[in-house]
């Protein structure tokens, strides 16, 4: 049996075709901690200027959380939302800060993942290129060329060249879309933001009046110039971060499909990283899981506070999430789900070939074949999980990932309003 060849490849480096984190490519993620500090200072300064910072009596996260969950609350819910009461914006600000830090960490992991897998022997050059209707439709075959040993490296080199060439246009398109989607979000907020915090015993007219007064009092509403400007900028930044996750995610899925067609799975049988060479992929995939969880939490927060009547203003973000989340999670699972069986079978077959080539009979050359047979046994017992997720993690991820979609659908079709009676 012909052995697969060592692979050398160009990495999939998001820093090379994006501008959002330019200058931070080789720096630790902690170098970006200035961003949440600056964001907090800007928000506080804006509310002090507008007189909407609030006082200690405005702080009521426990009572408001109970209202969101539909629990009975004794005190009234005044239509007043200075910064100190606005847990909605607290949460959004936290997700913006966490999102930027996670984005940098994810891209740092991605930018060295492929070469690390190749160095570990987790991916190797195939004996033949696995061409298929999908690879031809996606132009993977055309970018890869005809040499199996160089196919993936050629593909990645050409892909990165093309992405670098369109980088300015890609960033401009993301920025334009971020402005449009953020504006839609803010229009939805103007229609009635704190839906789940309105008192449950109000008539329709009184409820509408409460919502209008609540928005007028909101520190980021249109009546408060400084707060509104700061919030508008942060909304654009937040959605730009989301779009950056999504665009790079779609491209990463494309690379994973190419990886399936242009490489073969292998393993580091010395197990230096504890995952038989696959730890770079597992670490990178976990950042994808965290990014999906963060976006899911953000969408849940928005959907709950905007309410059923305003779902259309964030429909674009929900649809984007509904398309992206299954692709980002389940395409990698489809591609790598059989790695363990493949590398086990291949190594056991090679050891059997060695026994045969040496003319050894396992029934008579017991001492000579003992070590080789023990290695075959080890091959059949090793656990190689490239994505490093257990079954319980997959079920939790599926449930949590589907929650924003289910909640949005409930808002649309069943007029669900959390916290309301």
Protein backbone atom coordinates (compact mmCIF):
# COMPACT_ATOMS: atom_id res chain seq x y z
CA UNK A 1 0.00 0.00 0.00
CA UNK A 2 1.31 3.45 -0.98
CA UNK A 3 1.69 5.78 1.98
CA UNK A 4 0.11 9.23 1.91
CA UNK A 5 2.58 12.09 1.55
CA UNK A 6 3.42 14.83 4.02
CA UNK A 7 1.36 17.95 3.37
CA UNK A 8 2.57 21.54 3.25
CA UNK A 9 -0.08 24.21 2.99
CA UNK A 10 -0.89 27.90 3.19
CA UNK A 11 -3.11 28.75 6.17
CA UNK A 12 -6.62 30.15 6.01
CA UNK A 13 -5.84 33.55 7.55
CA UNK A 14 -8.84 35.88 8.05
CA UNK A 15 -6.52 38.74 9.02
CA UNK A 16 -5.21 38.77 5.45
CA UNK A 17 -8.54 39.74 3.86
CA UNK A 18 -10.25 41.81 6.56
CA UNK A 19 -9.53 45.22 8.04
CA UNK A 20 -11.45 45.14 11.33
CA UNK A 21 -8.45 43.84 13.32
CA UNK A 22 -5.62 45.20 11.20
CA UNK A 23 -2.46 45.56 13.28
CA UNK A 24 -3.48 42.93 15.83
CA UNK A 25 -2.59 39.86 13.78
CA UNK A 26 0.36 38.79 15.91
CA UNK A 27 -0.82 40.21 19.21
CA UNK A 28 -2.54 38.43 22.09
CA UNK A 29 -6.29 38.89 22.38
CA UNK A 30 -5.79 40.77 25.66
CA UNK A 31 -4.36 43.65 23.59
CA UNK A 32 -7.96 44.46 22.63
CA UNK A 33 -9.17 45.00 26.20
CA UNK A 34 -8.97 48.74 25.54
CA UNK A 35 -12.15 48.39 23.45
CA UNK A 36 -14.63 47.46 26.23
CA UNK A 37 -13.06 50.09 28.48
CA UNK A 38 -13.44 52.76 25.79
CA UNK A 39 -16.99 51.61 25.08
CA UNK A 40 -17.97 51.85 28.75
CA UNK A 41 -16.43 55.33 29.05
CA UNK A 42 -18.26 56.53 25.93
CA UNK A 43 -21.63 55.23 27.16
CA UNK A 44 -21.23 56.71 30.65
CA UNK A 45 -20.04 60.05 29.29
CA UNK A 46 -22.99 60.25 26.88
CA UNK A 47 -25.53 59.55 29.62
CA UNK A 48 -23.93 62.07 31.96
CA UNK A 49 -24.12 64.70 29.20
CA UNK A 50 -27.78 63.88 28.50
CA UNK A 51 -28.70 63.50 32.17
CA UNK A 52 -29.81 59.89 31.62
CA UNK A 53 -27.30 58.03 33.76
CA UNK A 54 -29.87 57.40 36.49
CA UNK A 55 -29.62 56.80 40.22
CA UNK A 56 -29.34 53.80 42.50
CA UNK A 57 -33.14 53.63 42.77
CA UNK A 58 -33.29 52.85 39.05
CA UNK A 59 -31.29 49.64 39.43
CA UNK A 60 -33.80 46.77 39.40
CA UNK A 61 -32.35 43.80 37.47
CA UNK A 62 -34.05 41.19 39.65
CA UNK A 63 -37.53 42.68 39.27
CA UNK A 64 -37.12 43.22 35.54
CA UNK A 65 -35.77 39.69 35.02
CA UNK A 66 -38.86 38.37 36.80
CA UNK A 67 -41.09 40.36 34.46
CA UNK A 68 -39.31 38.98 31.41
CA UNK A 69 -39.92 35.46 32.72
CA UNK A 70 -43.61 36.20 33.36
CA UNK A 71 -43.36 36.00 37.14
CA UNK A 72 -45.45 38.04 39.55
CA UNK A 73 -43.75 41.27 40.67
CA UNK A 74 -45.18 43.47 43.40
CA UNK A 75 -43.72 46.87 42.50
CA UNK A 76 -44.80 48.83 39.45
CA UNK A 77 -42.69 49.08 36.33
CA UNK A 78 -42.21 52.79 35.64
CA UNK A 79 -41.66 53.78 31.97
CA UNK A 80 -38.23 55.13 32.79
CA UNK A 81 -35.04 53.65 31.37
CA UNK A 82 -31.86 55.52 32.21
CA UNK A 83 -28.61 53.63 31.82
CA UNK A 84 -28.63 52.15 35.31
CA UNK A 85 -31.93 50.37 34.70
CA UNK A 86 -31.28 49.31 31.10
CA UNK A 87 -30.22 45.67 31.44
CA UNK A 88 -31.09 45.23 27.75
CA UNK A 89 -28.24 47.54 26.76
CA UNK A 90 -25.94 46.18 29.46
CA UNK A 91 -26.26 42.76 27.90
CA UNK A 92 -25.80 44.08 24.36
CA UNK A 93 -22.66 45.99 25.36
CA UNK A 94 -21.25 42.89 27.03
CA UNK A 95 -21.85 40.80 23.91
CA UNK A 96 -20.20 43.44 21.69
CA UNK A 97 -17.07 43.40 23.86
CA UNK A 98 -17.05 39.61 24.13
CA UNK A 99 -17.73 39.30 20.41
CA UNK A 100 -14.72 41.38 19.38
CA UNK A 101 -12.40 39.49 21.73
CA UNK A 102 -13.77 36.16 20.56
CA UNK A 103 -13.46 37.22 16.91
CA UNK A 104 -9.76 37.95 17.37
CA UNK A 105 -9.18 34.70 19.25
CA UNK A 106 -11.03 32.68 16.60
CA UNK A 107 -9.11 34.25 13.73
CA UNK A 108 -5.80 33.69 15.53
CA UNK A 109 -6.70 30.01 15.87
CA UNK A 110 -7.81 29.77 12.24
CA UNK A 111 -4.69 31.49 10.94
CA UNK A 112 -2.48 28.61 12.09
CA UNK A 113 -4.89 25.66 12.16
CA UNK A 114 -4.21 24.11 8.74
CA UNK A 115 -0.43 24.22 8.95
CA UNK A 116 -0.57 22.80 12.48
CA UNK A 117 -2.76 19.93 11.33
CA UNK A 118 -0.35 19.26 8.46
CA UNK A 119 2.70 19.38 10.75
CA UNK A 120 0.98 16.96 13.13
CA UNK A 121 0.15 14.55 10.32
CA UNK A 122 -3.58 14.96 10.96
CA UNK A 123 -4.09 15.89 7.32
CA UNK A 124 -1.94 14.37 4.57
CA UNK A 125 -1.76 14.53 0.80
CA UNK A 126 -4.14 12.01 -0.80
CA UNK A 127 -3.30 9.41 -3.38
CA UNK A 128 -6.00 10.85 -5.66
CA UNK A 129 -8.15 13.96 -5.66
CA UNK A 130 -11.73 13.16 -4.64
CA UNK A 131 -13.54 15.09 -7.35
CA UNK A 132 -17.33 15.28 -7.12
CA UNK A 133 -20.21 17.33 -8.56
CA UNK A 134 -20.02 19.51 -5.43
CA UNK A 135 -16.29 20.19 -5.74
CA UNK A 136 -16.71 21.01 -9.41
CA UNK A 137 -19.69 23.29 -8.76
CA UNK A 138 -17.72 25.13 -6.09
CA UNK A 139 -14.70 25.40 -8.42
CA UNK A 140 -12.53 23.58 -5.91
CA UNK A 141 -11.11 21.30 -8.62
CA UNK A 142 -10.21 24.26 -10.80
CA UNK A 143 -8.37 26.06 -8.00
CA UNK A 144 -6.55 22.88 -6.91
CA UNK A 145 -4.99 21.70 -10.18
CA UNK A 146 -4.19 18.07 -11.00
CA UNK A 147 -1.32 17.08 -8.67
CA UNK A 148 -2.72 15.32 -5.56
CA UNK A 149 0.37 16.12 -3.48
CA UNK A 150 0.12 19.85 -4.23
CA UNK A 151 -3.65 20.17 -4.70
CA UNK A 152 -4.60 21.54 -1.29
CA UNK A 153 -1.63 23.87 -1.05
CA UNK A 154 -2.37 25.18 -4.55
CA UNK A 155 -6.05 25.61 -3.67
CA UNK A 156 -5.28 27.57 -0.49
CA UNK A 157 -2.67 29.77 -2.20
CA UNK A 158 -5.07 30.73 -4.98
CA UNK A 159 -8.00 31.20 -2.59
CA UNK A 160 -6.04 33.53 -0.31
CA UNK A 161 -4.83 35.52 -3.32
CA UNK A 162 -8.41 36.00 -4.51
CA UNK A 163 -9.66 36.95 -1.04
CA UNK A 164 -6.84 39.46 -0.55
CA UNK A 165 -7.69 41.03 -3.92
CA UNK A 166 -11.35 41.60 -2.99
CA UNK A 167 -10.68 42.52 0.66
CA UNK A 168 -11.53 46.25 0.33
CA UNK A 169 -14.81 45.49 -1.45
CA UNK A 170 -15.68 42.78 1.05
CA UNK A 171 -15.14 45.12 4.00
CA UNK A 172 -17.11 47.92 2.33
CA UNK A 173 -20.04 45.57 1.67
CA UNK A 174 -20.04 44.39 5.30
CA UNK A 175 -19.97 47.97 6.55
CA UNK A 176 -22.84 49.01 4.30
CA UNK A 177 -24.93 46.02 5.35
CA UNK A 178 -24.09 46.70 9.02
CA UNK A 179 -25.36 50.27 8.66
CA UNK A 180 -28.60 49.08 7.03
CA UNK A 181 -29.27 46.31 9.56
CA UNK A 182 -28.43 48.52 12.54
CA UNK A 183 -30.79 51.18 11.24
CA UNK A 184 -33.55 48.59 10.90
CA UNK A 185 -32.89 47.46 14.47
CA UNK A 186 -33.16 51.01 15.76
CA UNK A 187 -36.37 51.62 13.83
CA UNK A 188 -37.77 48.51 15.48
CA UNK A 189 -36.75 49.85 18.87
CA UNK A 190 -38.59 53.08 18.15
CA UNK A 191 -41.78 51.06 17.59
CA UNK A 192 -41.66 49.75 21.14
CA UNK A 193 -38.59 48.38 22.87
CA UNK A 194 -39.27 47.27 26.41
CA UNK A 195 -42.25 45.07 25.56
CA UNK A 196 -41.58 42.44 28.19
CA UNK A 197 -41.24 45.02 30.99
CA UNK A 198 -44.59 46.73 30.50
CA UNK A 199 -47.13 46.15 33.32
CA UNK A 200 -49.39 43.26 32.49
CA UNK A 201 -52.64 44.91 33.64
CA UNK A 202 -52.69 47.76 31.10
CA UNK A 203 -55.24 48.23 28.35
CA UNK A 204 -53.94 48.27 24.78
CA UNK A 205 -54.02 52.08 24.66
CA UNK A 206 -52.36 52.43 28.06
CA UNK A 207 -49.75 49.87 27.11
CA UNK A 208 -48.90 51.77 23.93
CA UNK A 209 -48.60 54.99 25.91
CA UNK A 210 -46.31 53.22 28.39
CA UNK A 211 -44.08 51.96 25.56
CA UNK A 212 -43.85 55.41 23.98
CA UNK A 213 -42.94 57.02 27.28
CA UNK A 214 -40.40 54.26 27.99
CA UNK A 215 -38.67 54.88 24.67
CA UNK A 216 -38.61 58.65 25.20
CA UNK A 217 -36.95 58.11 28.56
CA UNK A 218 -34.45 55.56 27.20
CA UNK A 219 -30.90 56.89 27.40
CA UNK A 220 -30.23 55.82 23.77
CA UNK A 221 -33.53 57.06 22.34
CA UNK A 222 -33.79 59.78 19.72
CA UNK A 223 -34.60 62.41 22.38
CA UNK A 224 -31.10 62.05 23.86
CA UNK A 225 -28.55 63.09 21.24
CA UNK A 226 -25.28 61.98 22.83
CA UNK A 227 -26.65 58.62 23.93
CA UNK A 228 -28.34 58.03 20.57
CA UNK A 229 -25.13 58.76 18.65
CA UNK A 230 -23.03 56.46 20.84
CA UNK A 231 -25.62 53.68 20.65
CA UNK A 232 -25.90 54.06 16.85
CA UNK A 233 -22.14 53.69 16.43
CA UNK A 234 -22.04 50.67 18.74
CA UNK A 235 -24.95 49.07 16.87
CA UNK A 236 -23.03 49.34 13.60
CA UNK A 237 -19.92 47.91 15.26
CA UNK A 238 -21.93 45.05 16.77
CA UNK A 239 -23.51 44.03 13.48
CA UNK A 240 -20.20 44.47 11.64
CA UNK A 241 -18.67 42.00 14.13
CA UNK A 242 -21.56 39.58 13.52
CA UNK A 243 -21.14 39.87 9.75
CA UNK A 244 -17.38 39.35 10.09
CA UNK A 245 -18.03 36.13 12.00
CA UNK A 246 -20.50 35.01 9.33
CA UNK A 247 -18.46 35.88 6.24
CA UNK A 248 -15.34 34.19 7.58
CA UNK A 249 -17.52 31.30 8.73
CA UNK A 250 -18.94 30.72 5.25
CA UNK A 251 -15.43 30.84 3.79
CA UNK A 252 -14.18 28.43 6.46
CA UNK A 253 -16.95 26.00 5.51
CA UNK A 254 -15.77 26.30 1.90
CA UNK A 255 -12.22 25.44 3.01
CA UNK A 256 -13.51 22.47 5.01
CA UNK A 257 -15.31 21.13 1.93
CA UNK A 258 -12.07 21.55 -0.03
CA UNK A 259 -10.18 19.81 2.77
CA UNK A 260 -12.48 16.82 2.37
CA UNK A 261 -11.81 16.59 -1.37
CA UNK A 262 -8.11 17.47 -1.47
CA UNK A 263 -6.61 15.83 1.62
CA UNK A 264 -6.79 12.56 3.52
CA UNK A 265 -7.15 12.27 7.31
CA UNK A 266 -4.22 11.05 9.33
CA UNK A 267 -3.05 11.03 12.93
CA UNK A 268 -0.04 11.70 15.11
CA UNK A 269 0.36 8.23 16.55
CA UNK A 270 2.80 9.52 19.17
CA UNK A 271 -0.20 11.51 20.49
CA UNK A 272 1.87 14.49 21.56
CA UNK A 273 -1.16 16.79 21.90
CA UNK A 274 -3.46 14.21 23.53
CA UNK A 275 -5.79 14.23 20.50
CA UNK A 276 -3.61 12.44 17.97
CA UNK A 277 -2.71 15.66 16.19
CA UNK A 278 -6.23 17.06 15.85
CA UNK A 279 -6.20 19.51 18.78
CA UNK A 280 -5.79 22.63 16.53
CA UNK A 281 -9.06 21.82 14.79
CA UNK A 282 -10.88 21.06 18.02
CA UNK A 283 -9.71 24.32 19.60
CA UNK A 284 -10.78 26.30 16.53
CA UNK A 285 -14.16 24.58 16.35
CA UNK A 286 -14.86 25.42 19.98
CA UNK A 287 -14.54 29.12 19.11
CA UNK A 288 -17.21 28.54 16.44
CA UNK A 289 -19.48 27.04 19.10
CA UNK A 290 -18.90 30.01 21.41
CA UNK A 291 -19.57 32.45 18.57
CA UNK A 292 -22.87 30.73 17.75
CA UNK A 293 -23.82 30.74 21.42
CA UNK A 294 -23.01 34.44 21.73
CA UNK A 295 -25.06 35.35 18.68
CA UNK A 296 -27.92 33.15 19.86
CA UNK A 297 -27.94 34.90 23.25
CA UNK A 298 -27.88 38.30 21.54
CA UNK A 299 -30.81 37.44 19.29
CA UNK A 300 -32.81 36.01 22.18
CA UNK A 301 -32.27 39.24 24.12
CA UNK A 302 -33.39 41.40 21.18
CA UNK A 303 -36.39 39.23 20.26
CA UNK A 304 -37.65 39.18 23.84
CA UNK A 305 -37.39 42.95 24.34
CA UNK A 306 -38.68 43.99 20.92
CA UNK A 307 -41.72 41.73 21.07
CA UNK A 308 -43.91 40.06 18.47
CA UNK A 309 -44.99 43.19 16.63
CA UNK A 310 -41.44 44.19 15.82
CA UNK A 311 -39.95 40.91 14.60
CA UNK A 312 -39.67 42.17 11.01
CA UNK A 313 -36.98 44.70 11.96
CA UNK A 314 -34.51 41.96 12.87
CA UNK A 315 -35.75 39.31 10.46
CA UNK A 316 -32.59 39.67 8.37
CA UNK A 317 -30.36 38.81 11.34
CA UNK A 318 -32.56 35.87 12.35
CA UNK A 319 -32.59 34.47 8.80
CA UNK A 320 -28.81 34.88 8.55
CA UNK A 321 -28.40 33.01 11.82
CA UNK A 322 -30.85 30.30 10.73
CA UNK A 323 -28.77 29.69 7.59
CA UNK A 324 -25.33 30.04 9.11
CA UNK A 325 -25.66 28.10 12.36
CA UNK A 326 -26.42 24.69 10.79
CA UNK A 327 -23.71 25.19 8.15
CA UNK A 328 -21.04 26.20 10.66
CA UNK A 329 -21.82 23.36 13.04
CA UNK A 330 -22.99 20.40 10.99
CA UNK A 331 -20.87 20.69 7.85
CA UNK A 332 -17.69 20.16 9.92
CA UNK A 333 -19.42 17.24 11.64
CA UNK A 334 -20.31 15.68 8.28
CA UNK A 335 -16.76 16.10 6.97
CA UNK A 336 -14.92 14.81 10.03
CA UNK A 337 -17.33 12.27 11.47
CA UNK A 338 -15.53 9.26 9.91
CA UNK A 339 -11.96 10.33 10.60
CA UNK A 340 -11.56 7.91 13.49
CA UNK A 341 -12.67 4.86 11.51
CA UNK A 342 -10.61 5.87 8.48
CA UNK A 343 -7.31 6.40 10.27
CA UNK A 344 -7.78 3.31 12.44
CA UNK A 345 -8.41 1.13 9.41
CA UNK A 346 -5.56 2.66 7.39
CA UNK A 347 -2.93 2.22 10.09
CA UNK A 348 -4.04 -1.33 10.92
CA UNK A 349 -3.82 -2.15 7.21
CA UNK A 350 -0.29 -0.74 6.97
CA UNK A 351 0.86 -2.76 9.96
CA UNK A 352 -0.68 -5.87 8.40
CA UNK A 353 1.25 -5.05 5.20
CA UNK A 354 4.48 -4.89 7.22
CA UNK A 355 3.80 -8.31 8.71
CA UNK A 356 3.10 -9.71 5.26
CA UNK A 357 6.15 -8.02 3.68
CA UNK A 358 8.43 -9.56 6.31
CA UNK A 359 6.96 -12.98 5.66
CA UNK A 360 5.81 -13.38 9.23
CA UNK A 361 3.10 -15.83 10.26
CA UNK A 362 1.21 -14.59 13.31
CA UNK A 363 0.50 -18.20 14.31
CA UNK A 364 4.16 -19.22 14.32
CA UNK A 365 6.21 -16.02 14.75
CA UNK A 366 4.53 -15.02 17.96
CA UNK A 367 7.43 -13.12 19.49
CA UNK A 368 8.28 -11.30 16.28
CA UNK A 369 4.70 -10.15 15.65
CA UNK A 370 3.67 -9.43 19.24
CA UNK A 371 4.57 -5.73 19.13
CA UNK A 372 2.95 -5.23 15.73
CA UNK A 373 -0.23 -6.99 16.81
CA UNK A 374 -0.32 -4.90 19.98
CA UNK A 375 -0.10 -1.77 17.84
CA UNK A 376 -3.02 -2.98 15.72
CA UNK A 377 -5.00 -3.49 18.92
CA UNK A 378 -4.10 0.05 20.01
CA UNK A 379 -5.30 1.36 16.65
CA UNK A 380 -8.72 -0.17 17.18
CA UNK A 381 -9.02 1.27 20.69
CA UNK A 382 -7.87 4.86 20.26
CA UNK A 383 -10.47 7.63 20.31
CA UNK A 384 -9.87 10.31 17.72
CA UNK A 385 -12.47 13.08 17.86
CA UNK A 386 -11.34 15.93 15.58
CA UNK A 387 -14.05 18.33 16.75
CA UNK A 388 -13.65 17.43 20.44
CA UNK A 389 -17.36 17.47 21.27
CA UNK A 390 -19.20 14.77 23.16
CA UNK A 391 -22.76 13.61 22.30
CA UNK A 392 -24.21 15.61 25.20
CA UNK A 393 -22.44 18.71 23.87
CA UNK A 394 -23.97 18.18 20.44
CA UNK A 395 -27.48 17.86 21.86
CA UNK A 396 -27.06 20.96 24.04
CA UNK A 397 -25.66 22.89 21.10
CA UNK A 398 -28.54 21.87 18.87
CA UNK A 399 -31.13 22.91 21.46
CA UNK A 400 -29.46 26.21 22.27
CA UNK A 401 -28.74 26.98 18.62
CA UNK A 402 -32.35 26.41 17.60
CA UNK A 403 -33.78 28.50 20.43
CA UNK A 404 -33.56 31.94 18.75
CA UNK A 405 -35.21 30.54 15.61
CA UNK A 406 -37.98 28.86 17.60
CA UNK A 407 -38.52 31.97 19.71
CA UNK A 408 -38.69 34.22 16.66
CA UNK A 409 -41.14 31.85 14.99
CA UNK A 410 -43.27 31.83 18.13
CA UNK A 411 -43.24 35.62 18.15
CA UNK A 412 -44.35 35.66 14.52
CA UNK A 413 -46.90 32.88 14.35
CA UNK A 414 -48.25 32.69 17.88
CA UNK A 415 -47.92 36.32 18.98
CA UNK A 416 -45.90 35.22 21.99
CA UNK A 417 -44.88 38.03 24.34
CA UNK A 418 -42.68 36.94 27.19
CA UNK A 419 -43.45 38.57 30.49
CA UNK A 420 -46.91 39.70 29.41
CA UNK A 421 -50.26 38.44 30.53
